[in-house]
Amino acid sequence: MTAEMIGTELIGLRWETVCLLDRLLPERGAAALLAAGGEPVQVALFRMPDGTVAAIGNVDPFSGAAVLSRGIVGDRSGVPTVASPVYKQVFSLVTGECLDDPAVRVPVYPVRVADGWLQVGLP
């Protein structure tokens, strides 16, 4: 989702430029390796048909594999989701919650577009 849609406090984030927005295909994932506090972070980026973008952690917590960017994009009750290509658990692209096991979630990162470039907010 765009930073404006998240409605959370975004002060103190470092914005990492990832790619041109038009390079992301709707309903397809893309992986990016970013640095959060000096540590590498794998992020899965998704562009929705309505133009919004979501960024979540790319590592599937059930398999430990960095594959969520290759998952199947869909929705449940209007909430955009991605299904892991490994064990097929479904994650909300809004909250990161696993809809099959609410005790499990992946990180969600704020995104924004600046001059056509997609940026991800990192702590």
Protein backbone atom coordinates (compact mmCIF):
# COMPACT_ATOMS: atom_id res chain seq x y z
CA MET A 1 0.00 0.00 0.00
CA THR A 2 1.21 3.50 -0.47
CA ALA A 3 2.46 5.41 2.54
CA GLU A 4 -0.62 7.62 2.46
CA MET A 5 -2.93 4.60 2.66
CA ILE A 6 -1.22 2.99 5.62
CA GLY A 7 -2.07 5.82 7.99
CA THR A 8 0.73 4.95 10.41
CA GLU A 9 3.60 7.02 11.75
CA LEU A 10 6.31 7.10 9.09
CA ILE A 11 8.79 9.39 10.83
CA GLY A 12 12.20 7.85 11.38
CA LEU A 13 12.09 5.54 8.39
CA ARG A 14 14.85 5.39 5.83
CA TRP A 15 13.40 5.27 2.32
CA GLU A 16 15.22 2.85 0.02
CA THR A 17 14.70 3.35 -3.72
CA VAL A 18 13.98 0.00 -5.35
CA CYS A 19 12.84 0.40 -8.97
CA LEU A 20 10.68 2.39 -11.34
CA LEU A 21 7.03 1.77 -10.51
CA ASP A 22 6.17 0.90 -14.10
CA ARG A 23 8.67 -2.00 -13.95
CA LEU A 24 6.32 -3.85 -11.58
CA LEU A 25 3.67 -5.84 -13.43
CA PRO A 26 0.19 -5.90 -11.89
CA GLU A 27 -0.54 -9.04 -9.85
CA ARG A 28 3.04 -10.28 -10.16
CA GLY A 29 5.61 -10.28 -7.39
CA ALA A 30 9.17 -9.02 -7.50
CA ALA A 31 11.92 -9.57 -4.94
CA ALA A 32 14.32 -6.93 -3.68
CA LEU A 33 17.29 -7.26 -1.33
CA LEU A 34 17.51 -4.17 0.89
CA ALA A 35 19.50 -3.23 3.99
CA ALA A 36 17.64 -2.48 7.23
CA GLY A 37 20.00 -1.25 9.92
CA GLY A 38 22.93 -2.81 8.09
CA GLU A 39 21.25 -6.21 7.88
CA PRO A 40 20.04 -7.57 4.53
CA VAL A 41 16.26 -7.82 4.23
CA GLN A 42 14.41 -9.65 1.46
CA VAL A 43 11.25 -7.81 0.46
CA ALA A 44 8.46 -9.02 -1.85
CA LEU A 45 6.78 -6.24 -3.85
CA PHE A 46 3.33 -6.51 -5.42
CA ARG A 47 1.48 -4.07 -7.67
CA MET A 48 -2.29 -4.40 -7.54
CA PRO A 49 -4.61 -3.81 -10.54
CA ASP A 50 -5.78 -0.54 -8.92
CA GLY A 51 -2.18 0.74 -8.88
CA THR A 52 -1.47 0.35 -5.17
CA VAL A 53 1.73 -1.41 -4.15
CA ALA A 54 2.37 -3.70 -1.20
CA ALA A 55 5.71 -4.71 0.32
CA ILE A 56 6.04 -7.65 2.69
CA GLY A 57 8.88 -9.85 3.87
CA ASN A 58 9.85 -12.32 1.16
CA VAL A 59 10.68 -15.24 3.49
CA ASP A 60 7.91 -17.81 3.95
CA PRO A 61 7.84 -18.46 7.72
CA PHE A 62 6.63 -22.04 7.20
CA SER A 63 9.33 -23.21 4.77
CA GLY A 64 12.09 -20.69 5.53
CA ALA A 65 12.51 -20.11 1.79
CA ALA A 66 12.59 -16.64 0.22
CA VAL A 67 9.70 -17.31 -2.16
CA LEU A 68 6.67 -15.12 -1.35
CA SER A 69 7.45 -12.85 -4.32
CA ARG A 70 6.75 -15.90 -6.51
CA GLY A 71 3.41 -16.61 -4.86
CA ILE A 72 -0.07 -16.47 -6.31
CA VAL A 73 -1.68 -13.03 -5.90
CA GLY A 74 -5.38 -12.95 -5.09
CA ASP A 75 -7.80 -11.70 -2.47
CA ARG A 76 -10.00 -12.94 0.33
CA SER A 77 -13.12 -10.91 1.02
CA GLY A 78 -11.59 -7.95 -0.78
CA VAL A 79 -8.26 -8.09 1.08
CA PRO A 80 -5.26 -8.47 -1.27
CA THR A 81 -3.29 -11.64 -0.56
CA VAL A 82 -0.43 -13.80 -1.72
CA ALA A 83 -0.29 -17.59 -1.40
CA SER A 84 3.11 -19.10 -0.77
CA PRO A 85 4.26 -21.26 -3.67
CA VAL A 86 5.66 -23.83 -1.20
CA TYR A 87 2.91 -24.89 1.24
CA LYS A 88 0.19 -22.55 -0.09
CA GLN A 89 -0.47 -20.59 3.14
CA VAL A 90 -2.15 -17.28 2.32
CA PHE A 91 -0.83 -13.96 3.67
CA SER A 92 -2.58 -10.60 3.77
CA LEU A 93 -0.67 -7.99 1.78
CA VAL A 94 -2.13 -5.34 4.11
CA THR A 95 -1.27 -6.76 7.56
CA GLY A 96 1.16 -9.61 6.81
CA GLU A 97 -1.05 -11.98 8.80
CA CYS A 98 -1.27 -15.59 7.66
CA LEU A 99 -4.97 -16.10 7.00
CA ASP A 100 -4.57 -19.85 7.56
CA ASP A 101 -2.77 -19.41 10.91
CA PRO A 102 -3.35 -15.95 12.47
CA ALA A 103 -0.52 -16.51 14.97
CA VAL A 104 1.97 -16.26 12.09
CA ARG A 105 2.75 -13.13 10.11
CA VAL A 106 5.39 -11.66 7.83
CA PRO A 107 6.71 -8.08 8.08
CA VAL A 108 4.89 -5.36 6.17
CA TYR A 109 6.80 -2.33 4.87
CA PRO A 110 5.40 1.07 3.87
CA VAL A 111 5.91 2.12 0.27
CA ARG A 112 5.74 5.40 -1.59
CA VAL A 113 6.36 6.64 -5.11
CA ALA A 114 8.72 9.58 -5.67
CA ASP A 115 9.16 10.88 -9.23
CA GLY A 116 8.05 7.51 -10.61
CA TRP A 117 10.45 5.52 -8.38
CA LEU A 118 9.14 2.99 -5.87
CA GLN A 119 10.60 3.41 -2.39
CA VAL A 120 10.31 1.10 0.62
CA GLY A 121 10.47 2.44 4.18
CA LEU A 122 12.89 0.63 6.47
CA PRO A 123 13.65 1.17 10.17
